[in-house]
């Protein structure tokens, strides 16, 4: 793709900024150096980060010839005279990657994290050409990450130390993964066993589970939940169950018990009358409009007794 030009790029060299250039001007130059969708995505993310927390500061690290000495944008929050890194903005030929330094410690109910899911500390968001991001959810994630850089109060530290000294509950034990990486969770009713299942989903599938659960609860705040046969079920009190999902090796299978009555029908057929499936694979984004429509329709139909 031919690089776009503008008056700002012509006014100075984005390739050879002066050694005393500010971090913000280096990031400006980095954005302008692309001239394609990557620059626009990085600029959009930068704007959302600034809007989420005006106290966040911009830095540039890892300047080297391979990135034309423009470095990698870093967003931090100063606390007690030092800056705690919130995230970095890396660019590749096929994606823009935002890596959260403490992402594994963050709740991500909207399922924004879609990369680096198996690490013990970091999490990342990979955006490819044409991808969009939920601005509200992203800002909430930035604020939560910024809060992690703030040292806890003495009271909070005391509570954490007390909690750490208590014996771990049985639920903290590792969950056995069955065929296809499906978590083995004891049958139970309510949100807690469903969250146990989602937390035990391996790798990228955990974010899919969180995203599905978030969409269902957001669409139907009073939804009923349970786990049976190592599978989360969602239903309406007195009307039966309308949806369930289950882990397989290459995808997460979502079952709509009255799927043939939905419009549009979920794409995967079944030998069971009325049932249709949707298979969610790694790196596959969920069309929120379609999924919300399916959830609303499915919940309005007579459900399946199941158990």
Protein backbone atom coordinates (compact mmCIF):
# COMPACT_ATOMS: atom_id res chain seq x y z
CA UNK A 1 0.00 0.00 0.00
CA UNK A 2 1.31 3.45 -0.89
CA UNK A 3 2.03 5.55 2.17
CA UNK A 4 -0.11 8.60 2.72
CA UNK A 5 1.58 11.95 3.16
CA UNK A 6 0.49 15.08 4.99
CA UNK A 7 1.87 18.48 5.87
CA UNK A 8 3.07 17.31 9.25
CA UNK A 9 5.11 14.47 7.74
CA UNK A 10 6.60 16.86 5.18
CA UNK A 11 7.54 19.39 7.87
CA UNK A 12 9.97 17.02 9.59
CA UNK A 13 11.45 13.61 9.07
CA UNK A 14 9.38 10.90 10.77
CA UNK A 15 12.25 8.53 10.04
CA UNK A 16 14.96 10.50 11.81
CA UNK A 17 13.56 12.44 14.75
CA UNK A 18 16.05 14.39 16.81
CA UNK A 19 17.57 12.70 19.80
CA UNK A 20 15.75 14.98 22.26
CA UNK A 21 12.32 14.51 20.69
CA UNK A 22 9.57 14.05 23.24
CA UNK A 23 7.85 10.70 23.63
CA UNK A 24 4.61 12.11 22.23
CA UNK A 25 6.32 13.44 19.11
CA UNK A 26 8.01 10.09 18.58
CA UNK A 27 4.64 8.36 18.82
CA UNK A 28 3.22 10.91 16.35
CA UNK A 29 6.05 10.03 13.99
CA UNK A 30 5.50 6.33 14.53
CA UNK A 31 1.82 6.66 13.58
CA UNK A 32 2.61 8.79 10.54
CA UNK A 33 5.30 6.41 9.34
CA UNK A 34 2.78 3.74 8.36
CA UNK A 35 0.42 5.56 6.05
CA UNK A 36 -2.00 2.64 6.18
CA UNK A 37 -4.65 1.10 8.47
CA UNK A 38 -2.09 0.32 11.19
CA UNK A 39 -1.43 4.00 11.82
CA UNK A 40 -5.16 4.71 12.05
CA UNK A 41 -5.70 1.84 14.51
CA UNK A 42 -2.77 2.87 16.70
CA UNK A 43 -3.99 6.48 16.70
CA UNK A 44 -7.50 5.37 17.70
CA UNK A 45 -6.21 3.24 20.56
CA UNK A 46 -4.00 6.09 21.74
CA UNK A 47 -7.00 8.45 21.83
CA UNK A 48 -9.09 5.98 23.83
CA UNK A 49 -6.24 5.45 26.32
CA UNK A 50 -5.91 9.20 26.86
CA UNK A 51 -9.68 9.57 27.28
CA UNK A 52 -9.84 6.68 29.75
CA UNK A 53 -7.34 8.26 32.18
CA UNK A 54 -5.84 11.72 31.54
CA UNK A 55 -3.14 10.99 34.16
CA UNK A 56 -1.59 8.35 31.92
CA UNK A 57 1.77 9.38 30.48
CA UNK A 58 3.36 8.39 27.19
CA UNK A 59 6.84 6.94 26.90
CA UNK A 60 8.88 5.37 24.12
CA UNK A 61 11.10 2.35 24.72
CA UNK A 62 13.21 -0.06 22.69
CA UNK A 63 14.37 2.39 19.99
CA UNK A 64 16.48 0.52 17.46
CA UNK A 65 17.26 0.53 13.73
CA UNK A 66 14.64 -2.13 13.00
CA UNK A 67 11.90 0.35 14.00
CA UNK A 68 13.67 3.36 12.45
CA UNK A 69 14.65 4.51 15.96
CA UNK A 70 11.00 5.40 16.60
CA UNK A 71 10.66 2.80 19.35
CA UNK A 72 7.56 1.23 20.86
CA UNK A 73 4.83 3.39 22.42
CA UNK A 74 4.35 2.71 26.14
CA UNK A 75 1.53 4.02 28.29
CA UNK A 76 2.18 4.27 32.03
CA UNK A 77 0.70 5.83 35.12
CA UNK A 78 3.05 7.70 37.47
CA UNK A 79 2.76 6.64 41.10
CA UNK A 80 5.02 7.76 43.93
CA UNK A 81 7.62 9.09 41.52
CA UNK A 82 7.76 6.00 39.29
CA UNK A 83 5.74 4.92 36.29
CA UNK A 84 3.94 1.60 36.24
CA UNK A 85 3.48 0.26 32.71
CA UNK A 86 -0.13 -0.22 31.66
CA UNK A 87 0.36 -1.38 28.08
CA UNK A 88 2.57 -1.17 25.01
CA UNK A 89 1.57 -0.63 21.39
CA UNK A 90 3.47 -2.88 18.98
CA UNK A 91 2.92 -2.98 15.22
CA UNK A 92 3.47 -5.84 12.80
CA UNK A 93 2.77 -6.37 9.11
CA UNK A 94 -0.61 -7.94 9.78
CA UNK A 95 -1.69 -6.53 13.15
CA UNK A 96 -1.46 -3.94 15.88
CA UNK A 97 -0.79 -5.59 19.26
CA UNK A 98 -1.57 -3.92 22.56
CA UNK A 99 0.14 -5.85 25.36
CA UNK A 100 -1.03 -5.30 28.95
CA UNK A 101 1.82 -5.77 31.42
CA UNK A 102 -0.47 -7.20 34.13
CA UNK A 103 -3.30 -8.35 31.90
CA UNK A 104 -3.64 -11.76 33.56
CA UNK A 105 -4.77 -9.99 36.75
CA UNK A 106 -7.58 -8.07 35.00
CA UNK A 107 -11.21 -9.03 34.59
CA UNK A 108 -12.17 -8.94 30.91
CA UNK A 109 -15.92 -9.59 30.74
CA UNK A 110 -16.14 -8.29 27.17
CA UNK A 111 -13.48 -10.71 25.95
CA UNK A 112 -11.16 -8.07 24.46
CA UNK A 113 -8.02 -10.10 25.17
CA UNK A 114 -7.42 -12.49 22.27
CA UNK A 115 -3.66 -13.14 22.40
CA UNK A 116 -0.97 -14.16 24.91
CA UNK A 117 -3.68 -15.97 26.84
CA UNK A 118 -1.55 -18.75 28.30
CA UNK A 119 1.00 -16.59 30.13
CA UNK A 120 0.94 -16.00 33.85
CA UNK A 121 1.28 -12.21 33.68
CA UNK A 122 0.60 -10.56 30.32
CA UNK A 123 -2.43 -10.47 28.04
CA UNK A 124 -2.75 -8.85 24.61
CA UNK A 125 -5.28 -7.51 22.14
CA UNK A 126 -4.47 -8.19 18.48
CA UNK A 127 -6.26 -6.00 15.95
CA UNK A 128 -6.10 -6.88 12.26
CA UNK A 129 -7.20 -4.79 9.30
CA UNK A 130 -10.94 -4.13 9.49
CA UNK A 131 -11.25 -5.07 13.19
CA UNK A 132 -13.10 -2.74 15.55
CA UNK A 133 -12.95 -2.46 19.32
CA UNK A 134 -15.63 -1.82 21.94
CA UNK A 135 -14.58 1.65 23.10
CA UNK A 136 -16.44 1.54 26.41
CA UNK A 137 -15.08 -1.89 27.36
CA UNK A 138 -11.57 -0.90 26.27
CA UNK A 139 -11.59 2.25 28.42
CA UNK A 140 -12.80 0.22 31.40
CA UNK A 141 -9.91 -2.20 30.84
CA UNK A 142 -7.42 0.68 30.71
CA UNK A 143 -8.77 2.15 33.97
CA UNK A 144 -8.56 -1.24 35.66
CA UNK A 145 -4.97 -1.68 34.44
CA UNK A 146 -4.10 1.81 35.67
CA UNK A 147 -5.54 0.96 39.08
CA UNK A 148 -3.16 -1.98 39.36
CA UNK A 149 -0.21 0.43 39.23
CA UNK A 150 -1.46 2.20 42.39
CA UNK A 151 0.03 0.75 45.59
CA UNK A 152 -2.66 -0.67 47.91
CA UNK A 153 -3.54 1.11 51.13
CA UNK A 154 -2.35 -0.36 54.42
CA UNK A 155 -5.85 -1.72 55.04
CA UNK A 156 -5.94 -3.46 51.65
CA UNK A 157 -2.44 -4.84 52.17
CA UNK A 158 -3.49 -6.24 55.52
CA UNK A 159 -6.55 -7.91 54.00
CA UNK A 160 -4.46 -9.40 51.20
CA UNK A 161 -1.88 -10.74 53.63
CA UNK A 162 -4.65 -12.24 55.76
CA UNK A 163 -6.26 -13.86 52.72
CA UNK A 164 -2.92 -15.24 51.59
CA UNK A 165 -2.34 -16.84 54.98
CA UNK A 166 -5.67 -18.72 54.93
CA UNK A 167 -5.81 -22.27 53.56
CA UNK A 168 -6.90 -22.43 49.93
CA UNK A 169 -10.40 -23.76 49.34
CA UNK A 170 -11.11 -26.87 47.35
CA UNK A 171 -12.30 -24.71 44.43
CA UNK A 172 -8.77 -23.33 44.11
CA UNK A 173 -7.46 -26.77 43.16
CA UNK A 174 -6.57 -27.33 39.51
CA UNK A 175 -9.52 -28.43 37.39
CA UNK A 176 -9.22 -31.62 35.37
CA UNK A 177 -9.53 -31.11 31.61
CA UNK A 178 -11.38 -33.81 29.72
CA UNK A 179 -11.29 -34.66 26.03
CA UNK A 180 -11.06 -31.55 23.86
CA UNK A 181 -9.84 -29.48 26.81
CA UNK A 182 -13.32 -29.39 28.35
CA UNK A 183 -13.24 -28.57 32.10
CA UNK A 184 -14.63 -31.15 34.51
CA UNK A 185 -16.91 -29.20 36.85
CA UNK A 186 -19.30 -30.79 39.40
CA UNK A 187 -22.96 -30.32 38.59
CA UNK A 188 -24.50 -27.35 40.39
CA UNK A 189 -26.95 -24.51 39.90
CA UNK A 190 -26.22 -20.79 39.76
CA UNK A 191 -23.53 -18.46 38.47
CA UNK A 192 -20.64 -19.79 40.59
CA UNK A 193 -20.21 -23.16 38.83
CA UNK A 194 -20.51 -21.47 35.44
CA UNK A 195 -17.73 -19.06 36.38
CA UNK A 196 -15.63 -22.00 37.62
CA UNK A 197 -16.10 -23.64 34.22
CA UNK A 198 -15.20 -20.47 32.31
CA UNK A 199 -12.11 -19.83 34.44
CA UNK A 200 -10.92 -23.38 33.73
CA UNK A 201 -11.41 -23.13 29.96
CA UNK A 202 -7.94 -23.45 28.40
CA UNK A 203 -6.13 -20.70 26.48
CA UNK A 204 -8.13 -18.60 24.03
CA UNK A 205 -11.32 -20.49 24.85
CA UNK A 206 -11.52 -18.77 28.25
CA UNK A 207 -12.02 -15.41 26.57
CA UNK A 208 -14.72 -16.91 24.35
CA UNK A 209 -16.49 -18.21 27.47
CA UNK A 210 -16.26 -14.85 29.18
CA UNK A 211 -17.55 -13.08 26.10
CA UNK A 212 -20.51 -15.44 25.71
CA UNK A 213 -21.43 -15.17 29.39
CA UNK A 214 -21.17 -11.37 29.25
CA UNK A 215 -23.41 -11.14 26.16
CA UNK A 216 -26.02 -13.46 27.65
CA UNK A 217 -26.17 -11.65 31.01
CA UNK A 218 -26.12 -8.25 29.29
CA UNK A 219 -29.06 -9.28 27.11
CA UNK A 220 -30.95 -11.17 29.85
CA UNK A 221 -29.99 -9.83 33.30
CA UNK A 222 -32.16 -12.38 35.13
CA UNK A 223 -30.91 -15.41 33.23
CA UNK A 224 -30.79 -18.76 35.04
CA UNK A 225 -27.49 -20.69 35.02
CA UNK A 226 -26.33 -24.20 35.85
CA UNK A 227 -23.62 -26.74 35.03
CA UNK A 228 -24.53 -30.28 34.00
CA UNK A 229 -22.41 -32.88 32.22
CA UNK A 230 -19.44 -30.47 32.33
CA UNK A 231 -21.40 -27.94 30.29
CA UNK A 232 -22.80 -24.50 31.26
CA UNK A 233 -26.54 -24.10 30.61
CA UNK A 234 -28.56 -20.88 30.37
CA UNK A 235 -32.32 -20.68 30.76
CA UNK A 236 -35.38 -18.78 31.90
CA UNK A 237 -37.04 -19.71 35.18
CA UNK A 238 -40.11 -21.85 34.48
CA UNK A 239 -39.41 -22.03 30.72
CA UNK A 240 -36.46 -24.40 30.46
CA UNK A 241 -32.99 -24.05 28.95
CA UNK A 242 -32.28 -22.27 25.67
CA UNK A 243 -28.46 -22.39 25.28
CA UNK A 244 -25.36 -24.32 26.36
CA UNK A 245 -21.69 -24.39 25.33
CA UNK A 246 -18.87 -26.92 25.47
CA UNK A 247 -15.13 -27.01 24.65
CA UNK A 248 -13.73 -29.07 21.80
CA UNK A 249 -10.15 -29.21 20.50
CA UNK A 250 -10.51 -26.60 17.75
CA UNK A 251 -13.61 -24.66 18.74
CA UNK A 252 -16.22 -23.86 21.36
CA UNK A 253 -19.59 -25.39 20.44
CA UNK A 254 -22.64 -23.29 21.33
CA UNK A 255 -25.93 -25.20 21.32
CA UNK A 256 -29.26 -23.50 20.66
CA UNK A 257 -31.99 -25.96 21.65
CA UNK A 258 -34.56 -24.20 19.43
CA UNK A 259 -32.00 -23.11 16.85
CA UNK A 260 -34.11 -23.97 13.79
CA UNK A 261 -36.59 -21.26 14.88
CA UNK A 262 -33.95 -18.51 14.99
CA UNK A 263 -33.40 -15.99 12.21
CA UNK A 264 -30.84 -16.23 10.82
CA UNK A 265 -30.35 -19.85 11.84
CA UNK A 266 -27.05 -20.68 13.55
CA UNK A 267 -24.81 -22.13 10.82
CA UNK A 268 -24.18 -25.72 11.98
CA UNK A 269 -26.88 -28.36 11.71
CA UNK A 270 -27.68 -31.19 14.11
CA UNK A 271 -29.18 -34.67 13.97
CA UNK A 272 -31.39 -33.61 16.89
CA UNK A 273 -34.67 -32.00 15.89
CA UNK A 274 -34.86 -28.23 16.47
CA UNK A 275 -31.17 -27.95 17.52
CA UNK A 276 -28.59 -25.79 15.72
CA UNK A 277 -24.99 -25.04 16.65
CA UNK A 278 -22.48 -22.21 16.29
CA UNK A 279 -18.78 -23.12 16.40
CA UNK A 280 -16.40 -20.39 17.59
CA UNK A 281 -12.76 -20.85 16.52
CA UNK A 282 -9.59 -19.12 17.70
CA UNK A 283 -9.20 -15.52 16.43
CA UNK A 284 -12.86 -15.48 15.38
CA UNK A 285 -14.70 -12.35 16.45
CA UNK A 286 -18.34 -12.45 17.56
CA UNK A 287 -20.84 -10.28 15.71
CA UNK A 288 -22.56 -8.75 18.74
CA UNK A 289 -25.70 -7.84 16.80
CA UNK A 290 -26.18 -11.38 15.51
CA UNK A 291 -25.43 -13.04 18.84
CA UNK A 292 -27.65 -10.70 20.84
CA UNK A 293 -30.45 -11.40 18.36
CA UNK A 294 -30.00 -15.15 18.74
CA UNK A 295 -29.97 -14.91 22.55
CA UNK A 296 -33.14 -12.78 22.68
CA UNK A 297 -34.99 -15.01 20.23
CA UNK A 298 -33.88 -18.24 21.92
CA UNK A 299 -34.94 -16.98 25.36
CA UNK A 300 -38.39 -16.02 24.06
CA UNK A 301 -39.10 -19.57 22.81
CA UNK A 302 -40.14 -22.55 24.93
CA UNK A 303 -36.93 -24.01 26.36
CA UNK A 304 -35.69 -27.55 26.76
CA UNK A 305 -36.22 -29.39 30.06
CA UNK A 306 -32.75 -31.08 29.81
CA UNK A 307 -32.63 -32.02 33.52
